[in-house]
Amino acid sequence: MIIRGNRQLEEQYHRLSAGDVFIGRPLSGSLRLAVLIDLLERGVHCFPPALAQSLHCSKTAQAMILKKWMLPHTKVIRRRTNLIAAMNDYSRHAVGAVVTKQEHMHCGHGVRRWENMEALYNVVGLEKSSYPFVLQPFQTGLSDVRVIIVGSYLEAYARSNPCGFRMNLAAGGHAEPYELNKEEEACCRAVIERGKFPYAHLDLQILEGGACFLSEIALDGGLKGAKIDRKRLDQEKKEILEELAGKIEAGHGR
């Protein structure tokens, strides 16, 4: 049985069993994780995969699981003791200015730059509501590149903002086409494979020396600056998920 969308999921939820397929993202809010875990425990195949859905929703989960591809010294700060430990570590490595990324905030609204770790600690150290967040050294002179990979379709464009360090187009940046080199594309595909993304919108940080690092990854994202339109992109994504579900139904899936 293949279930498509939340309405059908709720109607058939207790009839699902091992080998069935759910296409979509279950519910929203605090129930989503419990539903995904329950479906996995019952042997139901989810598309997009549960890991990709979980990473899509959480910057800190990305920094935990995909840290290998992120800037050196990227850290997940879950509580005050993590922050103090990070202060000591960054001091040992002579890290000055830092950037924090607040969980569940998008379009650059949750990105903050701090002159040093002491300034960060003085503001957020004792505020429980500040946690968790992602912490990274602040980098100058980097290129911010958005990459869209959906099946055989690949598009990349660089984002820049002469008036601020936030490159997001919603935060005042502008875009121009960018051609990925082999190493940059390989980085994207390695991240996609590790996170089990059937398709992805990735943000890369490319340093002046050419080193490439993952900033964030998502199942969906804004298309301002992209050549592909939303209707075509959504159709491409739908076809990929249907193909994956069909393989499971036909007994050819993993």
C-alpha atoms as a PDB file:
ATOM      1  CA  MET A   1       0.000   0.000   0.000  1.00  0.00           C
ATOM      2  CA  ILE A   2       1.234   3.470  -0.899  1.00  0.00           C
ATOM      3  CA  ILE A   3      -0.052   6.356   1.218  1.00  0.00           C
ATOM      4  CA  ARG A   4       0.165   9.869  -0.193  1.00  0.00           C
ATOM      5  CA  GLY A   5      -0.248  12.921   2.010  1.00  0.00           C
ATOM      6  CA  ASN A   6      -1.362  13.534   5.562  1.00  0.00           C
ATOM      7  CA  ARG A   7      -5.088  13.072   5.071  1.00  0.00           C
ATOM      8  CA  GLN A   8      -4.641   9.548   3.752  1.00  0.00           C
ATOM      9  CA  LEU A   9      -2.002   8.867   6.395  1.00  0.00           C
ATOM     10  CA  GLU A  10      -4.426   9.711   9.199  1.00  0.00           C
ATOM     11  CA  GLU A  11      -7.168   7.603   7.609  1.00  0.00           C
ATOM     12  CA  GLN A  12      -4.968   4.540   7.146  1.00  0.00           C
ATOM     13  CA  TYR A  13      -2.455   5.075   9.956  1.00  0.00           C
ATOM     14  CA  HIS A  14      -3.309   2.029  12.081  1.00  0.00           C
ATOM     15  CA  ARG A  15      -3.589  -0.261   9.078  1.00  0.00           C
ATOM     16  CA  LEU A  16      -0.037   0.365   7.906  1.00  0.00           C
ATOM     17  CA  SER A  17       2.442  -2.471   8.248  1.00  0.00           C
ATOM     18  CA  ALA A  18       5.931  -3.507   7.162  1.00  0.00           C
ATOM     19  CA  GLY A  19       6.492  -2.943   3.461  1.00  0.00           C
ATOM     20  CA  ASP A  20       3.927  -0.181   3.068  1.00  0.00           C
ATOM     21  CA  VAL A  21       5.040   3.233   1.808  1.00  0.00           C
ATOM     22  CA  PHE A  22       4.255   6.763   2.910  1.00  0.00           C
ATOM     23  CA  ILE A  23       5.028   9.654   0.552  1.00  0.00           C
ATOM     24  CA  GLY A  24       5.020  13.026   2.280  1.00  0.00           C
ATOM     25  CA  ARG A  25       5.931  14.730   5.532  1.00  0.00           C
ATOM     26  CA  PRO A  26       3.793  13.593   8.447  1.00  0.00           C
ATOM     27  CA  LEU A  27       1.802  16.240  10.275  1.00  0.00           C
ATOM     28  CA  SER A  28       3.707  19.146  11.737  1.00  0.00           C
ATOM     29  CA  GLY A  29       5.137  20.365  14.992  1.00  0.00           C
ATOM     30  CA  SER A  30       5.983  18.101  17.910  1.00  0.00           C
ATOM     31  CA  LEU A  31       4.128  15.047  16.547  1.00  0.00           C
ATOM     32  CA  ARG A  32       6.231  14.712  13.405  1.00  0.00           C
ATOM     33  CA  LEU A  33       9.236  13.029  15.021  1.00  0.00           C
ATOM     34  CA  ALA A  34       7.097  10.548  16.956  1.00  0.00           C
ATOM     35  CA  VAL A  35       5.174   9.610  13.809  1.00  0.00           C
ATOM     36  CA  LEU A  36       8.356   9.128  11.785  1.00  0.00           C
ATOM     37  CA  ILE A  37       9.859   6.913  14.484  1.00  0.00           C
ATOM     38  CA  ASP A  38       6.660   4.920  14.764  1.00  0.00           C
ATOM     39  CA  LEU A  39       6.484   4.350  11.005  1.00  0.00           C
ATOM     40  CA  LEU A  40      10.110   3.235  10.912  1.00  0.00           C
ATOM     41  CA  GLU A  41       9.616   0.867  13.845  1.00  0.00           C
ATOM     42  CA  ARG A  42       6.679  -0.683  12.015  1.00  0.00           C
ATOM     43  CA  GLY A  43       8.720  -1.165   8.843  1.00  0.00           C
ATOM     44  CA  VAL A  44       6.917   1.485   6.800  1.00  0.00           C
ATOM     45  CA  HIS A  45       9.081   3.132   4.128  1.00  0.00           C
ATOM     46  CA  CYS A  46       9.045   6.921   4.177  1.00  0.00           C
ATOM     47  CA  PHE A  47       9.821   9.164   1.217  1.00  0.00           C
ATOM     48  CA  PRO A  48      11.518  11.538   1.709  1.00  0.00           C
ATOM     49  CA  PRO A  49      13.418   9.310   4.167  1.00  0.00           C
ATOM     50  CA  ALA A  50      12.992  10.043   7.865  1.00  0.00           C
ATOM     51  CA  LEU A  51      16.631  11.093   8.286  1.00  0.00           C
ATOM     52  CA  ALA A  52      16.352  13.673   5.510  1.00  0.00           C
ATOM     53  CA  GLN A  53      13.112  15.006   6.989  1.00  0.00           C
ATOM     54  CA  SER A  54      14.710  15.321  10.428  1.00  0.00           C
ATOM     55  CA  LEU A  55      17.779  17.106   9.082  1.00  0.00           C
ATOM     56  CA  HIS A  56      15.627  19.421   6.985  1.00  0.00           C
ATOM     57  CA  CYS A  57      13.908  20.673  10.140  1.00  0.00           C
ATOM     58  CA  SER A  58      16.971  21.234  12.309  1.00  0.00           C
ATOM     59  CA  LYS A  59      20.148  23.269  11.895  1.00  0.00           C
ATOM     60  CA  THR A  60      21.629  21.685  15.007  1.00  0.00           C
ATOM     61  CA  ALA A  61      20.900  18.155  13.777  1.00  0.00           C
ATOM     62  CA  GLN A  62      22.700  19.031  10.543  1.00  0.00           C
ATOM     63  CA  ALA A  63      25.697  20.333  12.465  1.00  0.00           C
ATOM     64  CA  MET A  64      25.749  17.140  14.520  1.00  0.00           C
ATOM     65  CA  ILE A  65      25.353  14.581  11.725  1.00  0.00           C
ATOM     66  CA  LEU A  66      26.905  16.422   8.767  1.00  0.00           C
ATOM     67  CA  LYS A  67      29.740  18.101  10.688  1.00  0.00           C
ATOM     68  CA  LYS A  68      32.339  16.321   8.528  1.00  0.00           C
ATOM     69  CA  TRP A  69      31.452  18.635   5.622  1.00  0.00           C
ATOM     70  CA  MET A  70      31.117  21.865   7.618  1.00  0.00           C
ATOM     71  CA  LEU A  71      33.638  24.525   8.574  1.00  0.00           C
ATOM     72  CA  PRO A  72      36.313  23.354  11.021  1.00  0.00           C
ATOM     73  CA  HIS A  73      35.346  23.991  14.651  1.00  0.00           C
ATOM     74  CA  THR A  74      31.610  23.964  13.909  1.00  0.00           C
ATOM     75  CA  LYS A  75      29.848  23.107  17.153  1.00  0.00           C
ATOM     76  CA  VAL A  76      26.372  22.381  18.460  1.00  0.00           C
ATOM     77  CA  ILE A  77      25.773  24.336  21.655  1.00  0.00           C
ATOM     78  CA  ARG A  78      23.060  22.599  23.685  1.00  0.00           C
ATOM     79  CA  ARG A  79      23.656  24.198  27.064  1.00  0.00           C
ATOM     80  CA  ARG A  80      25.892  26.586  28.987  1.00  0.00           C
ATOM     81  CA  THR A  81      28.615  23.998  29.660  1.00  0.00           C
ATOM     82  CA  ASN A  82      28.981  23.453  25.881  1.00  0.00           C
ATOM     83  CA  LEU A  83      29.360  27.195  25.397  1.00  0.00           C
ATOM     84  CA  ILE A  84      32.069  27.502  28.048  1.00  0.00           C
ATOM     85  CA  ALA A  85      33.945  24.553  26.560  1.00  0.00           C
ATOM     86  CA  ALA A  86      33.685  26.164  23.125  1.00  0.00           C
ATOM     87  CA  MET A  87      35.084  29.418  24.520  1.00  0.00           C
ATOM     88  CA  ASN A  88      38.171  27.588  25.706  1.00  0.00           C
ATOM     89  CA  ASP A  89      38.567  25.644  22.465  1.00  0.00           C
ATOM     90  CA  TYR A  90      38.191  28.715  20.270  1.00  0.00           C
ATOM     91  CA  SER A  91      40.699  30.589  22.420  1.00  0.00           C
ATOM     92  CA  ARG A  92      43.243  27.785  21.912  1.00  0.00           C
ATOM     93  CA  HIS A  93      42.748  28.067  18.144  1.00  0.00           C
ATOM     94  CA  ALA A  94      42.853  31.883  18.146  1.00  0.00           C
ATOM     95  CA  VAL A  95      39.307  32.205  16.809  1.00  0.00           C
ATOM     96  CA  GLY A  96      38.076  35.781  17.018  1.00  0.00           C
ATOM     97  CA  ALA A  97      34.678  36.709  15.624  1.00  0.00           C
ATOM     98  CA  VAL A  98      32.043  33.972  15.548  1.00  0.00           C
ATOM     99  CA  VAL A  99      28.636  33.304  14.011  1.00  0.00           C
ATOM    100  CA  THR A 100      25.631  31.655  15.633  1.00  0.00           C
ATOM    101  CA  LYS A 101      22.685  30.088  13.828  1.00  0.00           C
ATOM    102  CA  GLN A 102      19.480  29.880  15.786  1.00  0.00           C
ATOM    103  CA  GLU A 103      17.369  26.756  15.489  1.00  0.00           C
ATOM    104  CA  HIS A 104      14.171  26.958  13.387  1.00  0.00           C
ATOM    105  CA  MET A 105      14.899  30.401  11.932  1.00  0.00           C
ATOM    106  CA  HIS A 106      15.320  30.881   8.198  1.00  0.00           C
ATOM    107  CA  CYS A 107      16.185  33.463   5.527  1.00  0.00           C
ATOM    108  CA  GLY A 108      19.207  34.630   7.517  1.00  0.00           C
ATOM    109  CA  HIS A 109      17.025  35.971  10.342  1.00  0.00           C
ATOM    110  CA  GLY A 110      18.602  33.652  12.918  1.00  0.00           C
ATOM    111  CA  VAL A 111      22.218  34.293  11.908  1.00  0.00           C
ATOM    112  CA  ARG A 112      24.172  36.562  14.243  1.00  0.00           C
ATOM    113  CA  ARG A 113      27.778  37.751  14.223  1.00  0.00           C
ATOM    114  CA  TRP A 114      29.669  38.296  17.485  1.00  0.00           C
ATOM    115  CA  GLU A 115      33.004  40.077  17.850  1.00  0.00           C
ATOM    116  CA  ASN A 116      34.292  37.363  20.157  1.00  0.00           C
ATOM    117  CA  MET A 117      33.145  34.510  22.379  1.00  0.00           C
ATOM    118  CA  GLU A 118      33.010  36.675  25.467  1.00  0.00           C
ATOM    119  CA  ALA A 119      30.479  38.991  23.814  1.00  0.00           C
ATOM    120  CA  LEU A 120      28.398  35.975  22.869  1.00  0.00           C
ATOM    121  CA  TYR A 121      28.503  34.529  26.355  1.00  0.00           C
ATOM    122  CA  ASN A 122      27.576  37.825  27.981  1.00  0.00           C
ATOM    123  CA  VAL A 123      24.323  37.924  26.007  1.00  0.00           C
ATOM    124  CA  VAL A 124      23.179  34.316  25.695  1.00  0.00           C
ATOM    125  CA  GLY A 125      25.137  32.430  28.346  1.00  0.00           C
ATOM    126  CA  LEU A 126      22.444  32.436  31.021  1.00  0.00           C
ATOM    127  CA  GLU A 127      19.364  32.517  28.782  1.00  0.00           C
ATOM    128  CA  LYS A 128      17.868  29.021  28.554  1.00  0.00           C
ATOM    129  CA  SER A 129      15.728  30.044  25.584  1.00  0.00           C
ATOM    130  CA  SER A 130      18.870  30.645  23.507  1.00  0.00           C
ATOM    131  CA  TYR A 131      19.718  26.949  23.274  1.00  0.00           C
ATOM    132  CA  PRO A 132      20.359  24.970  21.147  1.00  0.00           C
ATOM    133  CA  PHE A 133      22.239  26.780  18.396  1.00  0.00           C
ATOM    134  CA  VAL A 134      25.057  26.236  15.914  1.00  0.00           C
ATOM    135  CA  LEU A 135      28.381  27.979  16.525  1.00  0.00           C
ATOM    136  CA  GLN A 136      31.032  28.597  13.855  1.00  0.00           C
ATOM    137  CA  PRO A 137      34.090  30.807  13.348  1.00  0.00           C
ATOM    138  CA  PHE A 138      33.261  33.888  11.281  1.00  0.00           C
ATOM    139  CA  GLN A 139      34.879  33.746   7.828  1.00  0.00           C
ATOM    140  CA  THR A 140      35.656  36.723   5.609  1.00  0.00           C
ATOM    141  CA  GLY A 141      35.997  36.641   1.844  1.00  0.00           C
ATOM    142  CA  LEU A 142      33.925  33.516   1.303  1.00  0.00           C
ATOM    143  CA  SER A 143      31.510  32.797  -1.526  1.00  0.00           C
ATOM    144  CA  ASP A 144      27.985  31.762  -0.614  1.00  0.00           C
ATOM    145  CA  VAL A 145      26.590  29.349  -3.215  1.00  0.00           C
ATOM    146  CA  ARG A 146      23.075  27.895  -3.404  1.00  0.00           C
ATOM    147  CA  VAL A 147      22.896  24.525  -5.182  1.00  0.00           C
ATOM    148  CA  ILE A 148      19.713  22.780  -6.310  1.00  0.00           C
ATOM    149  CA  ILE A 149      19.989  19.086  -7.154  1.00  0.00           C
ATOM    150  CA  VAL A 150      16.848  17.246  -8.217  1.00  0.00           C
ATOM    151  CA  GLY A 151      17.407  14.072 -10.228  1.00  0.00           C
ATOM    152  CA  SER A 152      19.486  14.976 -13.275  1.00  0.00           C
ATOM    153  CA  TYR A 153      18.827  18.687 -12.758  1.00  0.00           C
ATOM    154  CA  LEU A 154      21.640  20.695 -11.163  1.00  0.00           C
ATOM    155  CA  GLU A 155      21.778  24.447 -10.805  1.00  0.00           C
ATOM    156  CA  ALA A 156      24.005  26.708  -8.750  1.00  0.00           C
ATOM    157  CA  TYR A 157      24.138  30.430  -8.148  1.00  0.00           C
ATOM    158  CA  ALA A 158      26.317  32.618  -5.955  1.00  0.00           C
ATOM    159  CA  ARG A 159      24.735  35.024  -3.512  1.00  0.00           C
ATOM    160  CA  SER A 160      26.372  38.225  -2.340  1.00  0.00           C
ATOM    161  CA  ASN A 161      25.447  41.250  -0.285  1.00  0.00           C
ATOM    162  CA  PRO A 162      27.700  44.331  -0.330  1.00  0.00           C
ATOM    163  CA  CYS A 163      25.706  45.848   2.537  1.00  0.00           C
ATOM    164  CA  GLY A 164      26.041  43.029   5.056  1.00  0.00           C
ATOM    165  CA  PHE A 165      27.421  39.574   5.770  1.00  0.00           C
ATOM    166  CA  ARG A 166      24.040  37.814   5.396  1.00  0.00           C
ATOM    167  CA  MET A 167      23.950  36.569   1.809  1.00  0.00           C
ATOM    168  CA  ASN A 168      20.336  35.355   1.782  1.00  0.00           C
ATOM    169  CA  LEU A 169      18.355  37.006  -0.992  1.00  0.00           C
ATOM    170  CA  ALA A 170      15.573  37.691   1.510  1.00  0.00           C
ATOM    171  CA  ALA A 171      18.113  39.613   3.599  1.00  0.00           C
ATOM    172  CA  GLY A 172      19.186  41.916   0.776  1.00  0.00           C
ATOM    173  CA  GLY A 173      21.569  39.759  -1.246  1.00  0.00           C
ATOM    174  CA  HIS A 174      21.581  39.295  -5.004  1.00  0.00           C
ATOM    175  CA  ALA A 175      22.420  36.278  -7.154  1.00  0.00           C
ATOM    176  CA  GLU A 176      24.385  35.388 -10.260  1.00  0.00           C
ATOM    177  CA  PRO A 177      24.954  32.015 -11.958  1.00  0.00           C
ATOM    178  CA  TYR A 178      27.777  29.862 -10.597  1.00  0.00           C
ATOM    179  CA  GLU A 179      29.446  26.837 -12.150  1.00  0.00           C
ATOM    180  CA  LEU A 180      30.374  24.140  -9.664  1.00  0.00           C
ATOM    181  CA  ASN A 181      33.710  22.417 -10.088  1.00  0.00           C
ATOM    182  CA  LYS A 182      34.095  18.655  -9.624  1.00  0.00           C
ATOM    183  CA  GLU A 183      35.143  18.913  -5.980  1.00  0.00           C
ATOM    184  CA  GLU A 184      32.217  21.170  -5.076  1.00  0.00           C
ATOM    185  CA  GLU A 185      29.700  18.915  -6.793  1.00  0.00           C
ATOM    186  CA  ALA A 186      31.265  15.868  -5.115  1.00  0.00           C
ATOM    187  CA  CYS A 187      30.845  17.580  -1.742  1.00  0.00           C
ATOM    188  CA  CYS A 188      27.152  18.169  -2.456  1.00  0.00           C
ATOM    189  CA  ARG A 189      26.524  14.600  -3.527  1.00  0.00           C
ATOM    190  CA  ALA A 190      28.387  13.164  -0.535  1.00  0.00           C
ATOM    191  CA  VAL A 191      26.210  15.234   1.820  1.00  0.00           C
ATOM    192  CA  ILE A 192      23.056  14.173  -0.027  1.00  0.00           C
ATOM    193  CA  GLU A 193      24.024  10.514   0.252  1.00  0.00           C
ATOM    194  CA  ARG A 194      24.896  10.741   3.944  1.00  0.00           C
ATOM    195  CA  GLY A 195      21.655  12.534   4.789  1.00  0.00           C
ATOM    196  CA  LYS A 196      19.558  10.282   2.521  1.00  0.00           C
ATOM    197  CA  PHE A 197      18.128  13.239   0.649  1.00  0.00           C
ATOM    198  CA  PRO A 198      16.284  12.221  -2.542  1.00  0.00           C
ATOM    199  CA  TYR A 199      16.832  15.815  -3.739  1.00  0.00           C
ATOM    200  CA  ALA A 200      18.202  18.888  -2.020  1.00  0.00           C
ATOM    201  CA  HIS A 201      18.774  22.608  -1.794  1.00  0.00           C
ATOM    202  CA  LEU A 202      22.282  23.115  -0.400  1.00  0.00           C
ATOM    203  CA  ASP A 203      24.125  26.223   0.723  1.00  0.00           C
ATOM    204  CA  LEU A 204      27.907  26.053   0.350  1.00  0.00           C
ATOM    205  CA  GLN A 205      30.621  28.222   1.866  1.00  0.00           C
ATOM    206  CA  ILE A 206      33.594  28.400  -0.500  1.00  0.00           C
ATOM    207  CA  LEU A 207      36.687  30.025   0.954  1.00  0.00           C
ATOM    208  CA  GLU A 208      39.143  32.179  -0.982  1.00  0.00           C
ATOM    209  CA  GLY A 209      41.574  29.259  -1.239  1.00  0.00           C
ATOM    210  CA  GLY A 210      38.905  27.073  -2.826  1.00  0.00           C
ATOM    211  CA  ALA A 211      38.006  24.913   0.168  1.00  0.00           C
ATOM    212  CA  CYS A 212      34.315  23.985   0.082  1.00  0.00           C
ATOM    213  CA  PHE A 213      32.095  23.478   3.129  1.00  0.00           C
ATOM    214  CA  LEU A 214      28.421  22.824   3.732  1.00  0.00           C
ATOM    215  CA  SER A 215      26.452  25.603   5.392  1.00  0.00           C
ATOM    216  CA  GLU A 216      22.957  24.074   5.326  1.00  0.00           C
ATOM    217  CA  ILE A 217      20.827  21.579   3.420  1.00  0.00           C
ATOM    218  CA  ALA A 218      17.059  21.377   2.955  1.00  0.00           C
ATOM    219  CA  LEU A 219      14.406  19.478   1.037  1.00  0.00           C
ATOM    220  CA  ASP A 220      12.876  22.768  -0.092  1.00  0.00           C
ATOM    221  CA  GLY A 221      14.057  26.322  -0.359  1.00  0.00           C
ATOM    222  CA  GLY A 222      13.446  29.663  -1.940  1.00  0.00           C
ATOM    223  CA  LEU A 223      13.894  29.915  -5.708  1.00  0.00           C
ATOM    224  CA  LYS A 224      14.626  33.612  -5.994  1.00  0.00           C
ATOM    225  CA  GLY A 225      17.735  33.712  -8.160  1.00  0.00           C
ATOM    226  CA  ALA A 226      17.134  30.257  -9.679  1.00  0.00           C
ATOM    227  CA  LYS A 227      16.306  29.526 -13.306  1.00  0.00           C
ATOM    228  CA  ILE A 228      13.936  26.655 -12.586  1.00  0.00           C
ATOM    229  CA  ASP A 229      10.379  27.563 -11.606  1.00  0.00           C
ATOM    230  CA  ARG A 230       8.461  26.166  -8.638  1.00  0.00           C
ATOM    231  CA  LYS A 231       5.938  24.204 -10.709  1.00  0.00           C
ATOM    232  CA  ARG A 232       8.588  22.299 -12.641  1.00  0.00           C
ATOM    233  CA  LEU A 233      10.714  21.726  -9.536  1.00  0.00           C
ATOM    234  CA  ASP A 234       7.807  20.344  -7.518  1.00  0.00           C
ATOM    235  CA  GLN A 235       6.884  18.027 -10.392  1.00  0.00           C
ATOM    236  CA  GLU A 236      10.467  16.732 -10.613  1.00  0.00           C
ATOM    237  CA  LYS A 237      10.471  16.056  -6.873  1.00  0.00           C
ATOM    238  CA  LYS A 238       7.109  14.306  -7.014  1.00  0.00           C
ATOM    239  CA  GLU A 239       8.305  12.029  -9.812  1.00  0.00           C
ATOM    240  CA  ILE A 240      11.418  11.066  -7.844  1.00  0.00           C
ATOM    241  CA  LEU A 241       9.395  10.113  -4.761  1.00  0.00           C
ATOM    242  CA  GLU A 242       6.882   8.152  -6.836  1.00  0.00           C
ATOM    243  CA  GLU A 243       9.728   6.270  -8.517  1.00  0.00           C
ATOM    244  CA  LEU A 244      11.269   5.369  -5.156  1.00  0.00           C
ATOM    245  CA  ALA A 245       7.909   4.223  -3.836  1.00  0.00           C
ATOM    246  CA  GLY A 246       7.295   2.181  -6.966  1.00  0.00           C
ATOM    247  CA  LYS A 247      10.555   0.324  -6.502  1.00  0.00           C
ATOM    248  CA  ILE A 248       9.583  -0.643  -2.991  1.00  0.00           C
ATOM    249  CA  GLU A 249       6.139  -1.753  -4.110  1.00  0.00           C
ATOM    250  CA  ALA A 250       7.620  -3.838  -6.893  1.00  0.00           C
ATOM    251  CA  GLY A 251      10.050  -5.485  -4.497  1.00  0.00           C
ATOM    252  CA  HIS A 252      13.149  -3.900  -6.042  1.00  0.00           C
ATOM    253  CA  GLY A 253      13.931  -1.433  -3.240  1.00  0.00           C
ATOM    254  CA  ARG A 254      16.588  -1.894  -0.589  1.00  0.00           C
END
